[in-house]
């Protein structure tokens, strides 16, 4: 949200320089961050493991119970600590990993990063006079809705929120696409109304994304992956997510130039695929605070 606020007054070059400042603070700070206790225990370095855990929990905290729990957990999962890429083809790993990759890839194929990155241009095309202010409003809405979603994710369930989020995003993108299509075939007197329609569609899109599709794929991925492939599988799924994000961001401007309405329709297709996953053909969820896990049933993802 701070970046959106600074964007009202600074150019993107200045924002890039400002973005370097947290990195310059982070790099020396990393030398003072303790290593992961669970990783140290997994590597058999129990002395440093207890020291690291004590630093993280506080020197006045009794960590003996947690130390025993981590040792038991690591001991039960360390019979075969190393998982190779070739082993991910096994059915017990393949299905949950494919679901994680599919959800995270379709999250980006919804076009949300293309919309956010080029929101100012989209608002200008829609006829909004203060496109920067509108972009800041979009950022503020995203923060607020994400905070609301955090309180609902365990109460409403992952599957319900994912269905609601993808459905609302599908409708909102369709509204935006319709507005841009009609702009070329309607008199100018209609353009202000079409601009309002596209603005409402973009606002609903960002709200719906923050409600479910923004965070829930990450939660599902962490819950369905077996413990022994969580690191490797999570890294592969994250790589797929950022690779898809890069493709969408790099091609969004070209596609917007080609057809402002056409690109929205393309994103609708991918959102319908995400909804297909959430509707039960892919995931069956057991709700409840004590049963935060998903059973993989079947998986089929289409990449256009």
C-alpha atoms as a PDB file:
ATOM      1  CA  UNK A   1       0.000   0.000   0.000  1.00  0.00           C
ATOM      2  CA  UNK A   2       2.940   2.276   0.721  1.00  0.00           C
ATOM      3  CA  UNK A   3       4.191   1.710  -2.831  1.00  0.00           C
ATOM      4  CA  UNK A   4       0.784   2.723  -4.230  1.00  0.00           C
ATOM      5  CA  UNK A   5       0.847   5.858  -2.055  1.00  0.00           C
ATOM      6  CA  UNK A   6       4.364   6.833  -3.167  1.00  0.00           C
ATOM      7  CA  UNK A   7       3.307   6.209  -6.762  1.00  0.00           C
ATOM      8  CA  UNK A   8       1.008   9.224  -6.532  1.00  0.00           C
ATOM      9  CA  UNK A   9       4.028  11.521  -6.243  1.00  0.00           C
ATOM     10  CA  UNK A  10       7.074   9.671  -7.590  1.00  0.00           C
ATOM     11  CA  UNK A  11       8.006   8.194 -10.966  1.00  0.00           C
ATOM     12  CA  UNK A  12       8.666   4.499 -11.356  1.00  0.00           C
ATOM     13  CA  UNK A  13      12.429   5.129 -11.448  1.00  0.00           C
ATOM     14  CA  UNK A  14      12.319   6.848  -8.058  1.00  0.00           C
ATOM     15  CA  UNK A  15      10.160   4.000  -6.729  1.00  0.00           C
ATOM     16  CA  UNK A  16      12.745   1.488  -7.939  1.00  0.00           C
ATOM     17  CA  UNK A  17      15.483   3.324  -6.037  1.00  0.00           C
ATOM     18  CA  UNK A  18      13.304   3.521  -2.916  1.00  0.00           C
ATOM     19  CA  UNK A  19      12.707  -0.226  -3.215  1.00  0.00           C
ATOM     20  CA  UNK A  20      16.453  -0.775  -2.871  1.00  0.00           C
ATOM     21  CA  UNK A  21      16.482   0.718   0.650  1.00  0.00           C
ATOM     22  CA  UNK A  22      14.769  -2.210   2.432  1.00  0.00           C
ATOM     23  CA  UNK A  23      17.167  -4.577   0.666  1.00  0.00           C
ATOM     24  CA  UNK A  24      20.208  -2.687   1.945  1.00  0.00           C
ATOM     25  CA  UNK A  25      18.832  -3.046   5.477  1.00  0.00           C
ATOM     26  CA  UNK A  26      17.872  -6.706   4.986  1.00  0.00           C
ATOM     27  CA  UNK A  27      21.254  -7.935   3.723  1.00  0.00           C
ATOM     28  CA  UNK A  28      23.288  -7.111   6.883  1.00  0.00           C
ATOM     29  CA  UNK A  29      20.298  -8.098   9.040  1.00  0.00           C
ATOM     30  CA  UNK A  30      20.366 -11.635   7.615  1.00  0.00           C
ATOM     31  CA  UNK A  31      23.682 -12.282   9.379  1.00  0.00           C
ATOM     32  CA  UNK A  32      21.914 -11.919  12.742  1.00  0.00           C
ATOM     33  CA  UNK A  33      18.937 -14.170  11.949  1.00  0.00           C
ATOM     34  CA  UNK A  34      19.253 -17.667  13.502  1.00  0.00           C
ATOM     35  CA  UNK A  35      19.096 -20.721  11.270  1.00  0.00           C
ATOM     36  CA  UNK A  36      15.852 -22.709  11.107  1.00  0.00           C
ATOM     37  CA  UNK A  37      15.744 -24.992  14.197  1.00  0.00           C
ATOM     38  CA  UNK A  38      13.894 -27.747  12.359  1.00  0.00           C
ATOM     39  CA  UNK A  39      16.480 -27.773   9.562  1.00  0.00           C
ATOM     40  CA  UNK A  40      19.344 -27.925  12.085  1.00  0.00           C
ATOM     41  CA  UNK A  41      17.650 -30.870  13.808  1.00  0.00           C
ATOM     42  CA  UNK A  42      17.133 -32.578  10.466  1.00  0.00           C
ATOM     43  CA  UNK A  43      20.850 -32.185   9.743  1.00  0.00           C
ATOM     44  CA  UNK A  44      21.688 -33.718  13.153  1.00  0.00           C
ATOM     45  CA  UNK A  45      23.129 -30.499  14.585  1.00  0.00           C
ATOM     46  CA  UNK A  46      21.187 -30.717  17.860  1.00  0.00           C
ATOM     47  CA  UNK A  47      23.342 -28.305  19.860  1.00  0.00           C
ATOM     48  CA  UNK A  48      22.830 -25.427  17.425  1.00  0.00           C
ATOM     49  CA  UNK A  49      19.217 -26.542  17.009  1.00  0.00           C
ATOM     50  CA  UNK A  50      18.418 -25.936  20.674  1.00  0.00           C
ATOM     51  CA  UNK A  51      20.349 -22.660  20.702  1.00  0.00           C
ATOM     52  CA  UNK A  52      18.494 -21.370  17.646  1.00  0.00           C
ATOM     53  CA  UNK A  53      15.117 -22.404  19.054  1.00  0.00           C
ATOM     54  CA  UNK A  54      15.889 -20.720  22.376  1.00  0.00           C
ATOM     55  CA  UNK A  55      16.821 -17.469  20.606  1.00  0.00           C
ATOM     56  CA  UNK A  56      13.595 -17.515  18.596  1.00  0.00           C
ATOM     57  CA  UNK A  57      11.319 -18.326  21.550  1.00  0.00           C
ATOM     58  CA  UNK A  58      13.079 -16.092  24.067  1.00  0.00           C
ATOM     59  CA  UNK A  59      15.646 -16.901  26.739  1.00  0.00           C
ATOM     60  CA  UNK A  60      12.994 -16.978  29.487  1.00  0.00           C
ATOM     61  CA  UNK A  61      10.881 -19.609  27.681  1.00  0.00           C
ATOM     62  CA  UNK A  62      10.970 -23.317  28.493  1.00  0.00           C
ATOM     63  CA  UNK A  63      11.534 -25.051  25.147  1.00  0.00           C
ATOM     64  CA  UNK A  64      12.050 -28.621  26.407  1.00  0.00           C
ATOM     65  CA  UNK A  65       8.601 -29.809  25.260  1.00  0.00           C
ATOM     66  CA  UNK A  66       8.984 -28.290  21.791  1.00  0.00           C
ATOM     67  CA  UNK A  67      12.516 -29.695  21.498  1.00  0.00           C
ATOM     68  CA  UNK A  68      11.214 -33.213  22.114  1.00  0.00           C
ATOM     69  CA  UNK A  69       8.348 -32.754  19.641  1.00  0.00           C
ATOM     70  CA  UNK A  70      10.689 -31.541  16.880  1.00  0.00           C
ATOM     71  CA  UNK A  71      13.143 -34.372  17.536  1.00  0.00           C
ATOM     72  CA  UNK A  72      10.341 -36.941  17.275  1.00  0.00           C
ATOM     73  CA  UNK A  73       9.006 -35.327  14.108  1.00  0.00           C
ATOM     74  CA  UNK A  74      12.429 -35.182  12.499  1.00  0.00           C
ATOM     75  CA  UNK A  75      13.251 -38.712  13.626  1.00  0.00           C
ATOM     76  CA  UNK A  76      10.094 -40.143  12.018  1.00  0.00           C
ATOM     77  CA  UNK A  77      10.644 -38.330   8.713  1.00  0.00           C
ATOM     78  CA  UNK A  78      14.420 -38.659   8.395  1.00  0.00           C
ATOM     79  CA  UNK A  79      14.515 -42.283   7.272  1.00  0.00           C
ATOM     80  CA  UNK A  80      14.931 -40.937   3.790  1.00  0.00           C
ATOM     81  CA  UNK A  81      15.701 -37.242   4.040  1.00  0.00           C
ATOM     82  CA  UNK A  82      16.661 -36.607   0.425  1.00  0.00           C
ATOM     83  CA  UNK A  83      13.949 -36.500  -2.234  1.00  0.00           C
ATOM     84  CA  UNK A  84      15.030 -36.286  -5.871  1.00  0.00           C
ATOM     85  CA  UNK A  85      13.067 -34.762  -8.744  1.00  0.00           C
ATOM     86  CA  UNK A  86      12.586 -38.201 -10.291  1.00  0.00           C
ATOM     87  CA  UNK A  87      10.702 -39.365  -7.194  1.00  0.00           C
ATOM     88  CA  UNK A  88       8.098 -36.617  -7.612  1.00  0.00           C
ATOM     89  CA  UNK A  89       6.607 -38.771 -10.380  1.00  0.00           C
ATOM     90  CA  UNK A  90       5.305 -41.216  -7.775  1.00  0.00           C
ATOM     91  CA  UNK A  91       1.523 -41.010  -7.406  1.00  0.00           C
ATOM     92  CA  UNK A  92       1.584 -40.084  -3.713  1.00  0.00           C
ATOM     93  CA  UNK A  93       3.706 -37.037  -4.577  1.00  0.00           C
ATOM     94  CA  UNK A  94       2.561 -36.337  -8.129  1.00  0.00           C
ATOM     95  CA  UNK A  95      -1.121 -35.605  -7.442  1.00  0.00           C
ATOM     96  CA  UNK A  96      -0.730 -33.080  -4.603  1.00  0.00           C
ATOM     97  CA  UNK A  97       2.225 -31.422  -6.329  1.00  0.00           C
ATOM     98  CA  UNK A  98       0.281 -31.076  -9.582  1.00  0.00           C
ATOM     99  CA  UNK A  99      -2.657 -29.559  -7.702  1.00  0.00           C
ATOM    100  CA  UNK A 100      -0.344 -27.041  -6.019  1.00  0.00           C
ATOM    101  CA  UNK A 101       1.319 -26.105  -9.301  1.00  0.00           C
ATOM    102  CA  UNK A 102      -2.051 -25.879 -11.074  1.00  0.00           C
ATOM    103  CA  UNK A 103      -3.633 -23.588  -8.486  1.00  0.00           C
ATOM    104  CA  UNK A 104      -0.609 -21.301  -8.246  1.00  0.00           C
ATOM    105  CA  UNK A 105      -0.246 -21.093 -12.021  1.00  0.00           C
ATOM    106  CA  UNK A 106      -3.939 -20.389 -12.555  1.00  0.00           C
ATOM    107  CA  UNK A 107      -3.745 -17.765  -9.830  1.00  0.00           C
ATOM    108  CA  UNK A 108      -1.407 -15.787 -12.076  1.00  0.00           C
ATOM    109  CA  UNK A 109      -3.215 -16.737 -15.290  1.00  0.00           C
ATOM    110  CA  UNK A 110      -6.264 -14.947 -13.859  1.00  0.00           C
ATOM    111  CA  UNK A 111      -4.374 -11.847 -15.022  1.00  0.00           C
ATOM    112  CA  UNK A 112      -4.303 -10.093 -11.656  1.00  0.00           C
ATOM    113  CA  UNK A 113      -0.687  -8.962 -11.993  1.00  0.00           C
ATOM    114  CA  UNK A 114      -1.304  -7.706 -15.511  1.00  0.00           C
ATOM    115  CA  UNK A 115      -4.240  -5.678 -14.197  1.00  0.00           C
ATOM    116  CA  UNK A 116      -2.315  -4.313 -11.203  1.00  0.00           C
ATOM    117  CA  UNK A 117       0.863  -3.518 -13.147  1.00  0.00           C
ATOM    118  CA  UNK A 118      -0.996  -1.659 -15.893  1.00  0.00           C
ATOM    119  CA  UNK A 119      -3.934  -0.393 -13.832  1.00  0.00           C
ATOM    120  CA  UNK A 120      -3.108   3.254 -14.587  1.00  0.00           C
ATOM    121  CA  UNK A 121      -3.179   2.583 -18.341  1.00  0.00           C
ATOM    122  CA  UNK A 122      -6.411   0.614 -18.017  1.00  0.00           C
ATOM    123  CA  UNK A 123      -8.037   3.444 -16.055  1.00  0.00           C
ATOM    124  CA  UNK A 124      -6.924   5.954 -18.689  1.00  0.00           C
ATOM    125  CA  UNK A 125      -8.422   3.804 -21.435  1.00  0.00           C
ATOM    126  CA  UNK A 126     -11.631   3.622 -19.422  1.00  0.00           C
ATOM    127  CA  UNK A 127     -11.779   7.404 -19.268  1.00  0.00           C
ATOM    128  CA  UNK A 128     -10.875   7.874 -15.583  1.00  0.00           C
ATOM    129  CA  UNK A 129      -9.319  11.331 -15.215  1.00  0.00           C
ATOM    130  CA  UNK A 130      -7.170  10.631 -12.124  1.00  0.00           C
ATOM    131  CA  UNK A 131      -5.743   7.213 -12.932  1.00  0.00           C
ATOM    132  CA  UNK A 132      -3.040   7.351 -10.229  1.00  0.00           C
ATOM    133  CA  UNK A 133      -5.567   8.091  -7.495  1.00  0.00           C
ATOM    134  CA  UNK A 134      -7.744   5.240  -8.757  1.00  0.00           C
ATOM    135  CA  UNK A 135      -4.738   2.906  -8.681  1.00  0.00           C
ATOM    136  CA  UNK A 136      -4.023   3.906  -5.079  1.00  0.00           C
ATOM    137  CA  UNK A 137      -7.660   3.158  -4.240  1.00  0.00           C
ATOM    138  CA  UNK A 138      -7.269  -0.298  -5.769  1.00  0.00           C
ATOM    139  CA  UNK A 139      -4.218  -0.934  -3.564  1.00  0.00           C
ATOM    140  CA  UNK A 140      -6.049   0.212  -0.421  1.00  0.00           C
ATOM    141  CA  UNK A 141      -9.017  -2.036  -1.214  1.00  0.00           C
ATOM    142  CA  UNK A 142      -6.697  -4.996  -1.744  1.00  0.00           C
ATOM    143  CA  UNK A 143      -5.128  -4.541   1.704  1.00  0.00           C
ATOM    144  CA  UNK A 144      -8.502  -4.236   3.452  1.00  0.00           C
ATOM    145  CA  UNK A 145     -10.073  -7.245   1.739  1.00  0.00           C
ATOM    146  CA  UNK A 146      -6.998  -9.414   2.374  1.00  0.00           C
ATOM    147  CA  UNK A 147      -7.251  -8.606   6.095  1.00  0.00           C
ATOM    148  CA  UNK A 148     -10.930  -9.616   6.048  1.00  0.00           C
ATOM    149  CA  UNK A 149     -10.128 -12.848   4.197  1.00  0.00           C
ATOM    150  CA  UNK A 150      -7.552 -13.773   6.861  1.00  0.00           C
ATOM    151  CA  UNK A 151     -10.336 -13.869   9.452  1.00  0.00           C
ATOM    152  CA  UNK A 152     -12.639 -15.935   7.218  1.00  0.00           C
ATOM    153  CA  UNK A 153     -10.314 -18.580   5.831  1.00  0.00           C
ATOM    154  CA  UNK A 154     -10.785 -21.041   8.723  1.00  0.00           C
ATOM    155  CA  UNK A 155     -14.445 -20.227   9.356  1.00  0.00           C
ATOM    156  CA  UNK A 156     -15.745 -20.388   5.797  1.00  0.00           C
ATOM    157  CA  UNK A 157     -13.308 -22.975   4.476  1.00  0.00           C
ATOM    158  CA  UNK A 158     -10.771 -22.825   1.680  1.00  0.00           C
ATOM    159  CA  UNK A 159     -12.963 -24.390  -0.987  1.00  0.00           C
ATOM    160  CA  UNK A 160     -15.937 -22.068  -0.434  1.00  0.00           C
ATOM    161  CA  UNK A 161     -13.788 -18.942  -0.528  1.00  0.00           C
ATOM    162  CA  UNK A 162     -11.955 -20.158  -3.622  1.00  0.00           C
ATOM    163  CA  UNK A 163     -15.244 -20.793  -5.436  1.00  0.00           C
ATOM    164  CA  UNK A 164     -16.615 -17.397  -4.410  1.00  0.00           C
ATOM    165  CA  UNK A 165     -13.388 -15.612  -5.345  1.00  0.00           C
ATOM    166  CA  UNK A 166     -13.003 -17.189  -8.794  1.00  0.00           C
ATOM    167  CA  UNK A 167     -16.723 -16.686  -9.558  1.00  0.00           C
ATOM    168  CA  UNK A 168     -16.646 -12.985  -8.671  1.00  0.00           C
ATOM    169  CA  UNK A 169     -13.419 -12.505 -10.629  1.00  0.00           C
ATOM    170  CA  UNK A 170     -14.945 -14.204 -13.664  1.00  0.00           C
ATOM    171  CA  UNK A 171     -17.994 -11.913 -13.588  1.00  0.00           C
ATOM    172  CA  UNK A 172     -15.916  -8.772 -12.978  1.00  0.00           C
ATOM    173  CA  UNK A 173     -13.453  -9.447 -15.793  1.00  0.00           C
ATOM    174  CA  UNK A 174     -16.366 -10.195 -18.106  1.00  0.00           C
ATOM    175  CA  UNK A 175     -17.841  -6.792 -17.198  1.00  0.00           C
ATOM    176  CA  UNK A 176     -14.552  -5.050 -17.981  1.00  0.00           C
ATOM    177  CA  UNK A 177     -14.226  -6.920 -21.292  1.00  0.00           C
ATOM    178  CA  UNK A 178     -17.804  -6.019 -22.237  1.00  0.00           C
ATOM    179  CA  UNK A 179     -17.206  -2.343 -21.424  1.00  0.00           C
ATOM    180  CA  UNK A 180     -14.116  -2.171 -23.631  1.00  0.00           C
ATOM    181  CA  UNK A 181     -15.800  -4.038 -26.473  1.00  0.00           C
ATOM    182  CA  UNK A 182     -18.854  -1.784 -26.454  1.00  0.00           C
ATOM    183  CA  UNK A 183     -16.668   1.324 -26.376  1.00  0.00           C
ATOM    184  CA  UNK A 184     -15.787   0.808 -30.055  1.00  0.00           C
ATOM    185  CA  UNK A 185     -19.401   0.347 -31.172  1.00  0.00           C
ATOM    186  CA  UNK A 186     -21.341   2.882 -29.119  1.00  0.00           C
ATOM    187  CA  UNK A 187     -21.715   6.669 -29.341  1.00  0.00           C
ATOM    188  CA  UNK A 188     -19.466   8.861 -27.200  1.00  0.00           C
ATOM    189  CA  UNK A 189     -22.350   9.726 -24.910  1.00  0.00           C
ATOM    190  CA  UNK A 190     -22.191   6.142 -23.631  1.00  0.00           C
ATOM    191  CA  UNK A 191     -18.463   6.239 -22.832  1.00  0.00           C
ATOM    192  CA  UNK A 192     -18.768   7.729 -19.291  1.00  0.00           C
ATOM    193  CA  UNK A 193     -21.194   4.951 -18.306  1.00  0.00           C
ATOM    194  CA  UNK A 194     -18.920   2.319 -19.828  1.00  0.00           C
ATOM    195  CA  UNK A 195     -15.972   3.851 -17.936  1.00  0.00           C
ATOM    196  CA  UNK A 196     -17.895   3.495 -14.666  1.00  0.00           C
ATOM    197  CA  UNK A 197     -18.757  -0.112 -15.577  1.00  0.00           C
ATOM    198  CA  UNK A 198     -15.108  -0.984 -16.178  1.00  0.00           C
ATOM    199  CA  UNK A 199     -14.072   0.793 -12.966  1.00  0.00           C
ATOM    200  CA  UNK A 200     -16.610  -1.190 -10.947  1.00  0.00           C
ATOM    201  CA  UNK A 201     -15.406  -4.388 -12.621  1.00  0.00           C
ATOM    202  CA  UNK A 202     -11.769  -3.692 -11.690  1.00  0.00           C
ATOM    203  CA  UNK A 203     -12.672  -2.884  -8.080  1.00  0.00           C
ATOM    204  CA  UNK A 204     -14.679  -6.106  -7.748  1.00  0.00           C
ATOM    205  CA  UNK A 205     -11.839  -8.019  -9.409  1.00  0.00           C
ATOM    206  CA  UNK A 206      -9.276  -6.853  -6.840  1.00  0.00           C
ATOM    207  CA  UNK A 207     -11.686  -7.432  -3.946  1.00  0.00           C
ATOM    208  CA  UNK A 208     -12.475 -10.956  -5.151  1.00  0.00           C
ATOM    209  CA  UNK A 209      -8.790 -11.766  -5.630  1.00  0.00           C
ATOM    210  CA  UNK A 210      -7.956 -10.685  -2.078  1.00  0.00           C
ATOM    211  CA  UNK A 211     -10.909 -12.683  -0.768  1.00  0.00           C
ATOM    212  CA  UNK A 212      -9.621 -16.055  -1.889  1.00  0.00           C
ATOM    213  CA  UNK A 213      -7.481 -16.550  -4.960  1.00  0.00           C
ATOM    214  CA  UNK A 214      -4.689 -14.366  -3.612  1.00  0.00           C
ATOM    215  CA  UNK A 215      -3.858 -16.399  -0.521  1.00  0.00           C
ATOM    216  CA  UNK A 216      -5.749 -19.697  -0.531  1.00  0.00           C
ATOM    217  CA  UNK A 217      -3.665 -21.461  -3.256  1.00  0.00           C
ATOM    218  CA  UNK A 218      -0.605 -20.931  -1.046  1.00  0.00           C
ATOM    219  CA  UNK A 219      -2.441 -22.336   1.989  1.00  0.00           C
ATOM    220  CA  UNK A 220      -3.702 -25.355   0.034  1.00  0.00           C
ATOM    221  CA  UNK A 221      -0.216 -26.054  -1.317  1.00  0.00           C
ATOM    222  CA  UNK A 222       1.281 -26.063   2.192  1.00  0.00           C
ATOM    223  CA  UNK A 223      -1.443 -28.384   3.497  1.00  0.00           C
ATOM    224  CA  UNK A 224      -1.592 -31.031   0.779  1.00  0.00           C
ATOM    225  CA  UNK A 225       2.132 -31.624   0.237  1.00  0.00           C
ATOM    226  CA  UNK A 226       3.600 -34.511   2.259  1.00  0.00           C
ATOM    227  CA  UNK A 227       6.130 -33.360   4.867  1.00  0.00           C
ATOM    228  CA  UNK A 228       9.110 -35.027   3.217  1.00  0.00           C
ATOM    229  CA  UNK A 229       8.604 -33.184  -0.110  1.00  0.00           C
ATOM    230  CA  UNK A 230       7.305 -29.912   1.317  1.00  0.00           C
ATOM    231  CA  UNK A 231      10.578 -28.059   0.678  1.00  0.00           C
ATOM    232  CA  UNK A 232      11.226 -29.374  -2.833  1.00  0.00           C
ATOM    233  CA  UNK A 233       7.572 -29.446  -3.884  1.00  0.00           C
ATOM    234  CA  UNK A 234       6.907 -25.980  -2.474  1.00  0.00           C
ATOM    235  CA  UNK A 235       9.913 -24.613  -4.340  1.00  0.00           C
ATOM    236  CA  UNK A 236       8.754 -26.161  -7.636  1.00  0.00           C
ATOM    237  CA  UNK A 237       5.207 -24.797  -7.207  1.00  0.00           C
ATOM    238  CA  UNK A 238       6.542 -21.342  -6.281  1.00  0.00           C
ATOM    239  CA  UNK A 239       8.792 -21.389  -9.344  1.00  0.00           C
ATOM    240  CA  UNK A 240       5.761 -22.172 -11.518  1.00  0.00           C
ATOM    241  CA  UNK A 241       3.853 -19.306  -9.885  1.00  0.00           C
ATOM    242  CA  UNK A 242       6.527 -16.679 -10.485  1.00  0.00           C
ATOM    243  CA  UNK A 243       7.325 -17.961 -13.964  1.00  0.00           C
ATOM    244  CA  UNK A 244       3.652 -17.638 -14.904  1.00  0.00           C
ATOM    245  CA  UNK A 245       3.553 -14.201 -13.277  1.00  0.00           C
ATOM    246  CA  UNK A 246       6.529 -13.117 -15.401  1.00  0.00           C
ATOM    247  CA  UNK A 247       4.869 -14.358 -18.600  1.00  0.00           C
ATOM    248  CA  UNK A 248       1.587 -12.574 -17.779  1.00  0.00           C
ATOM    249  CA  UNK A 249       3.313  -9.321 -16.800  1.00  0.00           C
ATOM    250  CA  UNK A 250       5.571  -9.281 -19.863  1.00  0.00           C
ATOM    251  CA  UNK A 251       2.790 -10.031 -22.339  1.00  0.00           C
ATOM    252  CA  UNK A 252      -0.081  -8.066 -20.758  1.00  0.00           C
ATOM    253  CA  UNK A 253       0.909  -4.739 -22.324  1.00  0.00           C
ATOM    254  CA  UNK A 254       1.225  -6.290 -25.792  1.00  0.00           C
ATOM    255  CA  UNK A 255      -2.136  -8.024 -25.422  1.00  0.00           C
ATOM    256  CA  UNK A 256      -3.795  -4.834 -24.174  1.00  0.00           C
ATOM    257  CA  UNK A 257      -2.491  -3.056 -27.271  1.00  0.00           C
ATOM    258  CA  UNK A 258      -3.831  -5.867 -29.448  1.00  0.00           C
ATOM    259  CA  UNK A 259      -7.280  -6.047 -27.811  1.00  0.00           C
ATOM    260  CA  UNK A 260      -8.301  -4.541 -24.479  1.00  0.00           C
ATOM    261  CA  UNK A 261     -11.397  -6.712 -24.376  1.00  0.00           C
ATOM    262  CA  UNK A 262      -9.784  -9.826 -25.807  1.00  0.00           C
ATOM    263  CA  UNK A 263      -7.203 -10.172 -23.056  1.00  0.00           C
ATOM    264  CA  UNK A 264      -9.956  -9.970 -20.425  1.00  0.00           C
ATOM    265  CA  UNK A 265     -11.827 -12.800 -22.118  1.00  0.00           C
ATOM    266  CA  UNK A 266      -8.623 -14.850 -22.084  1.00  0.00           C
ATOM    267  CA  UNK A 267      -8.321 -14.368 -18.325  1.00  0.00           C
ATOM    268  CA  UNK A 268     -11.987 -15.399 -17.926  1.00  0.00           C
ATOM    269  CA  UNK A 269     -11.075 -18.773 -19.459  1.00  0.00           C
ATOM    270  CA  UNK A 270      -8.365 -19.420 -16.884  1.00  0.00           C
ATOM    271  CA  UNK A 271     -10.623 -18.316 -14.026  1.00  0.00           C
ATOM    272  CA  UNK A 272     -13.253 -20.821 -15.140  1.00  0.00           C
ATOM    273  CA  UNK A 273     -10.558 -23.511 -14.998  1.00  0.00           C
ATOM    274  CA  UNK A 274      -9.694 -22.462 -11.443  1.00  0.00           C
ATOM    275  CA  UNK A 275     -13.375 -22.632 -10.508  1.00  0.00           C
ATOM    276  CA  UNK A 276     -13.550 -26.101 -12.047  1.00  0.00           C
ATOM    277  CA  UNK A 277     -10.786 -27.193  -9.685  1.00  0.00           C
ATOM    278  CA  UNK A 278     -12.496 -25.741  -6.636  1.00  0.00           C
ATOM    279  CA  UNK A 279     -15.969 -27.105  -7.416  1.00  0.00           C
ATOM    280  CA  UNK A 280     -15.007 -30.582  -6.313  1.00  0.00           C
ATOM    281  CA  UNK A 281     -13.541 -32.278  -9.358  1.00  0.00           C
ATOM    282  CA  UNK A 282     -10.136 -31.705  -7.811  1.00  0.00           C
ATOM    283  CA  UNK A 283     -10.367 -31.080  -4.080  1.00  0.00           C
ATOM    284  CA  UNK A 284     -12.472 -32.431  -1.268  1.00  0.00           C
ATOM    285  CA  UNK A 285     -12.038 -30.416   1.891  1.00  0.00           C
ATOM    286  CA  UNK A 286     -12.611 -31.357   5.516  1.00  0.00           C
ATOM    287  CA  UNK A 287     -13.443 -28.115   7.338  1.00  0.00           C
ATOM    288  CA  UNK A 288     -12.622 -27.437  10.967  1.00  0.00           C
ATOM    289  CA  UNK A 289      -9.846 -25.987  13.044  1.00  0.00           C
ATOM    290  CA  UNK A 290      -8.461 -29.448  13.858  1.00  0.00           C
ATOM    291  CA  UNK A 291      -8.677 -30.884  10.341  1.00  0.00           C
ATOM    292  CA  UNK A 292      -6.801 -28.508   8.095  1.00  0.00           C
ATOM    293  CA  UNK A 293      -6.064 -30.873   5.272  1.00  0.00           C
ATOM    294  CA  UNK A 294      -7.267 -31.708   1.828  1.00  0.00           C
ATOM    295  CA  UNK A 295      -7.802 -35.051   0.103  1.00  0.00           C
ATOM    296  CA  UNK A 296      -6.657 -35.212  -3.500  1.00  0.00           C
ATOM    297  CA  UNK A 297      -9.336 -36.841  -5.665  1.00  0.00           C
ATOM    298  CA  UNK A 298      -8.330 -36.143  -9.249  1.00  0.00           C
ATOM    299  CA  UNK A 299      -6.669 -33.406 -11.211  1.00  0.00           C
ATOM    300  CA  UNK A 300      -6.822 -32.047 -14.711  1.00  0.00           C
ATOM    301  CA  UNK A 301      -5.585 -28.609 -15.661  1.00  0.00           C
ATOM    302  CA  UNK A 302      -5.743 -26.986 -19.093  1.00  0.00           C
ATOM    303  CA  UNK A 303      -3.133 -24.428 -20.067  1.00  0.00           C
ATOM    304  CA  UNK A 304      -4.203 -22.337 -23.064  1.00  0.00           C
END
